[in-house]
N, C-alpha and C. Protein backbone atom coordinates (compact mmCIF):
# COMPACT_ATOMS: atom_id res chain seq x y z
N MET A 1 4.28 -199.71 93.24
CA MET A 1 4.96 -199.33 94.45
C MET A 1 5.34 -197.85 94.34
N LEU A 2 4.93 -197.09 95.33
CA LEU A 2 5.20 -195.66 95.37
C LEU A 2 6.28 -195.40 96.41
N ILE A 3 7.35 -194.76 95.98
CA ILE A 3 8.45 -194.44 96.90
C ILE A 3 8.54 -192.92 96.97
N LEU A 4 8.44 -192.42 98.18
CA LEU A 4 8.55 -190.98 98.39
C LEU A 4 9.92 -190.66 98.97
N PHE A 5 10.51 -189.63 98.46
CA PHE A 5 11.80 -189.19 98.96
C PHE A 5 11.61 -187.83 99.63
N SER A 6 12.14 -187.71 100.79
CA SER A 6 12.13 -186.39 101.40
C SER A 6 13.53 -185.81 101.24
N PRO A 7 13.61 -184.66 100.61
CA PRO A 7 14.94 -184.09 100.38
C PRO A 7 15.58 -183.70 101.70
N LYS A 8 16.87 -183.94 101.79
CA LYS A 8 17.61 -183.51 102.96
C LYS A 8 17.99 -182.05 102.75
N VAL A 9 17.71 -181.26 103.76
CA VAL A 9 18.07 -179.85 103.69
C VAL A 9 19.34 -179.67 104.49
N ALA A 10 20.38 -179.32 103.82
CA ALA A 10 21.66 -179.12 104.50
C ALA A 10 21.65 -177.77 105.21
N ALA A 11 22.21 -177.75 106.39
CA ALA A 11 22.33 -176.48 107.12
C ALA A 11 23.29 -175.58 106.37
N VAL A 12 22.95 -174.33 106.30
CA VAL A 12 23.80 -173.35 105.64
C VAL A 12 24.91 -172.96 106.61
N ALA A 13 26.13 -173.07 106.16
CA ALA A 13 27.27 -172.71 107.02
C ALA A 13 27.23 -171.22 107.31
N PRO A 14 27.53 -170.84 108.52
CA PRO A 14 27.49 -169.41 108.86
C PRO A 14 28.53 -168.61 108.10
N SER A 15 28.14 -167.41 107.73
CA SER A 15 29.09 -166.43 107.22
C SER A 15 28.87 -165.18 108.06
N TYR A 16 29.78 -164.26 108.02
CA TYR A 16 29.76 -163.15 108.96
C TYR A 16 29.89 -161.82 108.22
N SER A 17 28.82 -161.00 108.33
CA SER A 17 28.88 -159.67 107.74
C SER A 17 27.99 -158.72 108.54
N ILE A 18 28.29 -157.44 108.41
CA ILE A 18 27.57 -156.38 109.11
C ILE A 18 26.89 -155.50 108.09
N ASN A 19 25.60 -155.23 108.30
CA ASN A 19 24.82 -154.36 107.40
C ASN A 19 24.93 -154.78 105.94
N ALA A 20 24.90 -156.10 105.72
CA ALA A 20 24.96 -156.68 104.37
C ALA A 20 26.21 -156.26 103.61
N GLY A 21 27.29 -156.01 104.35
CA GLY A 21 28.55 -155.60 103.72
C GLY A 21 29.40 -156.80 103.37
N THR A 22 30.69 -156.56 103.26
CA THR A 22 31.64 -157.59 102.90
C THR A 22 31.68 -158.68 103.97
N THR A 23 31.71 -159.93 103.52
CA THR A 23 31.81 -161.05 104.45
C THR A 23 33.23 -161.10 105.03
N MET A 24 33.32 -161.24 106.36
CA MET A 24 34.61 -161.30 107.02
C MET A 24 35.06 -162.76 107.11
N PRO A 25 36.21 -163.08 106.55
CA PRO A 25 36.69 -164.48 106.60
C PRO A 25 37.35 -164.81 107.93
N GLY A 26 37.30 -166.09 108.29
CA GLY A 26 38.03 -166.59 109.45
C GLY A 26 37.44 -166.28 110.80
N VAL A 27 36.23 -165.75 110.84
CA VAL A 27 35.60 -165.36 112.11
C VAL A 27 35.18 -166.60 112.89
N THR A 28 35.42 -166.57 114.20
CA THR A 28 34.81 -167.55 115.10
C THR A 28 33.86 -166.77 115.99
N SER A 29 32.73 -167.40 116.30
CA SER A 29 31.66 -166.69 116.98
C SER A 29 31.18 -167.47 118.19
N SER A 30 30.81 -166.74 119.24
CA SER A 30 30.21 -167.37 120.42
C SER A 30 29.06 -166.50 120.91
N TRP A 31 28.16 -167.11 121.66
CA TRP A 31 27.00 -166.42 122.21
C TRP A 31 27.04 -166.47 123.73
N GLU A 32 26.64 -165.38 124.38
CA GLU A 32 26.57 -165.31 125.84
C GLU A 32 25.20 -164.74 126.23
N ARG A 33 24.55 -165.36 127.20
CA ARG A 33 23.29 -164.83 127.74
C ARG A 33 23.57 -164.24 129.10
N GLN A 34 22.82 -163.19 129.46
CA GLN A 34 22.95 -162.59 130.77
C GLN A 34 21.75 -162.98 131.62
N GLN A 35 22.06 -163.59 132.74
CA GLN A 35 21.05 -164.09 133.66
C GLN A 35 20.47 -162.93 134.46
N ILE A 36 19.13 -162.92 134.62
CA ILE A 36 18.49 -161.90 135.45
C ILE A 36 18.33 -162.43 136.87
N ARG A 37 17.75 -163.64 136.98
CA ARG A 37 17.52 -164.22 138.31
C ARG A 37 17.26 -165.72 138.18
N ILE A 38 17.39 -166.40 139.32
CA ILE A 38 16.99 -167.79 139.42
C ILE A 38 15.70 -167.82 140.23
N ASN A 39 14.65 -168.36 139.66
CA ASN A 39 13.35 -168.40 140.32
C ASN A 39 13.31 -169.50 141.39
N THR A 40 12.30 -169.44 142.25
CA THR A 40 12.18 -170.42 143.33
C THR A 40 12.01 -171.84 142.80
N ASP A 41 11.47 -171.98 141.59
CA ASP A 41 11.31 -173.33 141.02
C ASP A 41 12.56 -173.81 140.28
N GLY A 42 13.64 -173.03 140.34
CA GLY A 42 14.89 -173.43 139.72
C GLY A 42 15.07 -172.96 138.29
N THR A 43 14.03 -172.42 137.67
CA THR A 43 14.18 -171.91 136.30
C THR A 43 14.96 -170.60 136.33
N ILE A 44 15.58 -170.29 135.21
CA ILE A 44 16.41 -169.10 135.12
C ILE A 44 15.77 -168.13 134.13
N ASP A 45 15.68 -166.87 134.51
CA ASP A 45 15.22 -165.82 133.60
C ASP A 45 16.44 -165.10 133.04
N TYR A 46 16.40 -164.85 131.73
CA TYR A 46 17.50 -164.18 131.04
C TYR A 46 17.00 -162.88 130.43
N LEU A 47 17.93 -161.97 130.15
CA LEU A 47 17.60 -160.79 129.36
C LEU A 47 17.11 -161.26 127.99
N PRO A 48 16.26 -160.48 127.33
CA PRO A 48 15.77 -160.90 126.01
C PRO A 48 16.83 -160.80 124.91
N SER A 49 17.97 -160.25 125.24
CA SER A 49 19.04 -160.14 124.25
C SER A 49 20.24 -160.99 124.68
N ALA A 50 21.13 -161.21 123.74
CA ALA A 50 22.36 -161.97 124.00
C ALA A 50 23.52 -161.23 123.33
N ILE A 51 24.71 -161.53 123.80
CA ILE A 51 25.92 -160.96 123.20
C ILE A 51 26.50 -161.99 122.22
N ASN A 52 26.71 -161.54 120.98
CA ASN A 52 27.36 -162.37 119.98
C ASN A 52 28.78 -161.80 119.80
N ALA A 53 29.78 -162.56 120.25
CA ALA A 53 31.17 -162.11 120.17
C ALA A 53 31.85 -162.76 118.97
N TRP A 54 32.46 -161.93 118.14
CA TRP A 54 33.23 -162.41 116.99
C TRP A 54 34.71 -162.25 117.31
N ARG A 55 35.48 -163.25 116.99
CA ARG A 55 36.93 -163.14 117.03
C ARG A 55 37.40 -163.10 115.58
N VAL A 56 37.92 -161.96 115.20
CA VAL A 56 38.30 -161.71 113.80
C VAL A 56 39.82 -161.76 113.71
N PRO A 57 40.36 -162.70 112.95
CA PRO A 57 41.83 -162.82 112.88
C PRO A 57 42.50 -161.59 112.25
N THR A 58 41.93 -161.06 111.17
CA THR A 58 42.49 -159.85 110.56
C THR A 58 41.38 -159.02 109.92
N MET A 59 41.53 -157.73 110.02
CA MET A 59 40.68 -156.77 109.30
C MET A 59 41.54 -155.55 109.01
N THR A 60 41.10 -154.74 108.06
CA THR A 60 41.88 -153.55 107.74
C THR A 60 41.73 -152.53 108.86
N VAL A 61 42.70 -151.65 108.98
CA VAL A 61 42.64 -150.57 109.97
C VAL A 61 41.41 -149.71 109.69
N THR A 62 41.10 -149.49 108.42
CA THR A 62 39.92 -148.68 108.06
C THR A 62 38.64 -149.33 108.56
N GLU A 63 38.49 -150.65 108.40
CA GLU A 63 37.31 -151.35 108.92
C GLU A 63 37.24 -151.22 110.44
N PHE A 64 38.38 -151.36 111.10
CA PHE A 64 38.45 -151.25 112.56
C PHE A 64 37.99 -149.86 113.00
N GLN A 65 38.50 -148.82 112.35
CA GLN A 65 38.14 -147.45 112.70
C GLN A 65 36.66 -147.17 112.44
N THR A 66 36.13 -147.72 111.35
CA THR A 66 34.70 -147.56 111.05
C THR A 66 33.85 -148.20 112.14
N LEU A 67 34.25 -149.40 112.57
CA LEU A 67 33.52 -150.07 113.64
C LEU A 67 33.61 -149.28 114.94
N GLN A 68 34.76 -148.69 115.24
CA GLN A 68 34.92 -147.90 116.45
C GLN A 68 33.92 -146.75 116.50
N THR A 69 33.70 -146.11 115.36
CA THR A 69 32.77 -144.98 115.34
C THR A 69 31.31 -145.43 115.42
N SER A 70 31.06 -146.73 115.23
CA SER A 70 29.69 -147.25 115.25
C SER A 70 29.31 -147.91 116.57
N ILE A 71 30.19 -147.89 117.57
CA ILE A 71 29.87 -148.51 118.86
C ILE A 71 28.63 -147.84 119.44
N GLY A 72 27.67 -148.67 119.84
CA GLY A 72 26.40 -148.18 120.38
C GLY A 72 25.33 -147.95 119.32
N ALA A 73 25.72 -148.00 118.07
CA ALA A 73 24.77 -147.75 116.98
C ALA A 73 23.93 -148.98 116.67
N SER A 74 22.73 -148.72 116.21
CA SER A 74 21.84 -149.78 115.75
C SER A 74 22.27 -150.19 114.34
N LEU A 75 22.30 -151.50 114.09
CA LEU A 75 22.67 -152.00 112.78
C LEU A 75 21.44 -152.44 112.01
N THR A 76 21.49 -152.40 110.68
CA THR A 76 20.35 -152.85 109.89
C THR A 76 20.32 -154.36 109.77
N SER A 77 21.49 -155.02 109.80
CA SER A 77 21.51 -156.48 109.75
C SER A 77 22.84 -157.01 110.25
N LEU A 78 22.78 -158.22 110.79
CA LEU A 78 23.97 -158.92 111.24
C LEU A 78 23.85 -160.35 110.79
N GLU A 79 24.74 -160.77 109.90
CA GLU A 79 24.76 -162.15 109.42
C GLU A 79 25.80 -162.90 110.24
N THR A 80 25.34 -163.92 110.96
CA THR A 80 26.22 -164.63 111.89
C THR A 80 25.72 -166.05 112.06
N ASN A 81 26.24 -166.75 113.05
CA ASN A 81 25.69 -168.07 113.32
C ASN A 81 24.42 -167.93 114.17
N ASN A 82 23.57 -168.92 114.08
CA ASN A 82 22.27 -168.90 114.73
C ASN A 82 22.43 -169.13 116.23
N PHE A 83 21.70 -168.36 117.04
CA PHE A 83 21.75 -168.53 118.49
C PHE A 83 21.28 -169.92 118.89
N ASP A 84 20.24 -170.42 118.22
CA ASP A 84 19.64 -171.70 118.57
C ASP A 84 20.38 -172.90 117.98
N ASP A 85 21.09 -172.71 116.88
CA ASP A 85 21.85 -173.79 116.24
C ASP A 85 23.15 -173.18 115.74
N ARG A 86 24.19 -173.27 116.52
CA ARG A 86 25.45 -172.55 116.27
C ARG A 86 26.12 -172.94 114.96
N ASN A 87 25.72 -174.07 114.37
CA ASN A 87 26.35 -174.52 113.12
C ASN A 87 25.59 -174.08 111.89
N SER A 88 24.55 -173.29 112.06
CA SER A 88 23.80 -172.80 110.91
C SER A 88 23.81 -171.27 110.90
N ALA A 89 23.45 -170.72 109.76
CA ALA A 89 23.50 -169.27 109.57
C ALA A 89 22.16 -168.63 109.90
N LYS A 90 22.22 -167.36 110.29
CA LYS A 90 21.00 -166.58 110.50
C LYS A 90 21.35 -165.11 110.33
N THR A 91 20.41 -164.36 109.78
CA THR A 91 20.57 -162.92 109.68
C THR A 91 19.61 -162.26 110.65
N TYR A 92 20.13 -161.47 111.56
CA TYR A 92 19.33 -160.76 112.55
C TYR A 92 19.14 -159.33 112.05
N THR A 93 17.90 -158.84 112.11
CA THR A 93 17.61 -157.51 111.58
C THR A 93 16.86 -156.62 112.58
N VAL A 94 16.45 -157.17 113.71
CA VAL A 94 15.67 -156.39 114.68
C VAL A 94 16.48 -156.24 115.97
N ARG A 95 16.61 -155.01 116.42
CA ARG A 95 17.33 -154.70 117.66
C ARG A 95 18.71 -155.35 117.70
N VAL A 96 19.56 -154.92 116.79
CA VAL A 96 20.95 -155.37 116.72
C VAL A 96 21.83 -154.14 116.92
N PHE A 97 22.73 -154.22 117.89
CA PHE A 97 23.59 -153.09 118.21
C PHE A 97 25.04 -153.53 118.28
N LEU A 98 25.95 -152.65 117.86
CA LEU A 98 27.37 -152.89 118.03
C LEU A 98 27.70 -152.52 119.47
N GLU A 99 28.02 -153.52 120.28
CA GLU A 99 28.23 -153.35 121.73
C GLU A 99 29.65 -152.86 122.05
N GLY A 100 30.64 -153.41 121.38
CA GLY A 100 32.01 -153.01 121.70
C GLY A 100 33.03 -153.64 120.77
N LEU A 101 34.24 -153.14 120.89
CA LEU A 101 35.34 -153.56 120.03
C LEU A 101 36.58 -153.58 120.92
N THR A 102 37.22 -154.73 121.04
CA THR A 102 38.38 -154.82 121.92
C THR A 102 39.54 -155.54 121.24
N GLY A 103 40.68 -155.38 121.87
CA GLY A 103 41.87 -156.07 121.39
C GLY A 103 42.37 -155.49 120.09
N GLY A 104 43.07 -156.29 119.40
CA GLY A 104 43.60 -155.86 118.12
C GLY A 104 44.99 -155.29 118.26
N GLN A 105 45.81 -155.67 117.33
CA GLN A 105 47.16 -155.15 117.25
C GLN A 105 47.39 -154.75 115.80
N GLN A 106 47.87 -153.55 115.60
CA GLN A 106 48.10 -153.09 114.24
C GLN A 106 49.39 -153.66 113.69
N VAL A 107 49.28 -154.25 112.51
CA VAL A 107 50.44 -154.78 111.78
C VAL A 107 50.34 -154.20 110.37
N GLY A 108 51.06 -153.12 110.13
CA GLY A 108 50.96 -152.43 108.84
C GLY A 108 49.57 -151.85 108.67
N LEU A 109 48.88 -152.25 107.59
CA LEU A 109 47.54 -151.74 107.32
C LEU A 109 46.45 -152.66 107.85
N LEU A 110 46.83 -153.65 108.66
CA LEU A 110 45.87 -154.61 109.20
C LEU A 110 45.80 -154.54 110.71
N MET A 111 44.64 -154.89 111.24
CA MET A 111 44.47 -155.12 112.68
C MET A 111 44.31 -156.62 112.85
N THR A 112 44.99 -157.18 113.83
CA THR A 112 44.91 -158.63 114.06
C THR A 112 44.28 -158.91 115.42
N ASN A 113 43.63 -160.08 115.51
CA ASN A 113 43.04 -160.57 116.77
C ASN A 113 42.08 -159.57 117.41
N VAL A 114 41.08 -159.18 116.66
CA VAL A 114 40.09 -158.22 117.13
C VAL A 114 38.86 -158.98 117.64
N THR A 115 38.27 -158.51 118.75
CA THR A 115 37.00 -159.05 119.23
C THR A 115 35.93 -157.99 119.05
N VAL A 116 34.87 -158.34 118.36
CA VAL A 116 33.75 -157.44 118.11
C VAL A 116 32.53 -158.04 118.81
N LYS A 117 31.82 -157.23 119.61
CA LYS A 117 30.64 -157.74 120.34
C LYS A 117 29.39 -157.01 119.89
N PHE A 118 28.35 -157.81 119.64
CA PHE A 118 27.06 -157.29 119.23
C PHE A 118 26.01 -157.70 120.26
N ARG A 119 25.04 -156.82 120.52
CA ARG A 119 23.89 -157.18 121.36
C ARG A 119 22.73 -157.42 120.41
N VAL A 120 22.12 -158.60 120.54
CA VAL A 120 21.09 -159.05 119.60
C VAL A 120 19.88 -159.57 120.37
N ASP A 121 18.67 -159.17 119.98
CA ASP A 121 17.47 -159.77 120.55
C ASP A 121 17.33 -161.18 119.99
N VAL A 122 17.15 -162.15 120.88
CA VAL A 122 17.04 -163.54 120.42
C VAL A 122 15.71 -164.16 120.81
């Protein structure tokens, strides 16, 4: 009797980093698509990119200021959750841009409740 086992591949939990830098803890992430039009057959056309918004509970003021100077810049990599499967990890390396940085309140040397938005080709 031959018994074959297929190994279960566990999804890798997302972690969050920019340009292969330090992983940011506590990040929650969401994806937004921008609709171009609704076709006569009811299908929807979207832009080829999506916005990946991170909600970062705390980061240093230095990290915040560095991100501010990089708004609009192309990034070499973005490690985040997967657009197609939000519970798994993916690293995006093509056409990734820092779209914007909002919110945040300075508490000593930390910024709290920061939203960072990236534009990513998906």
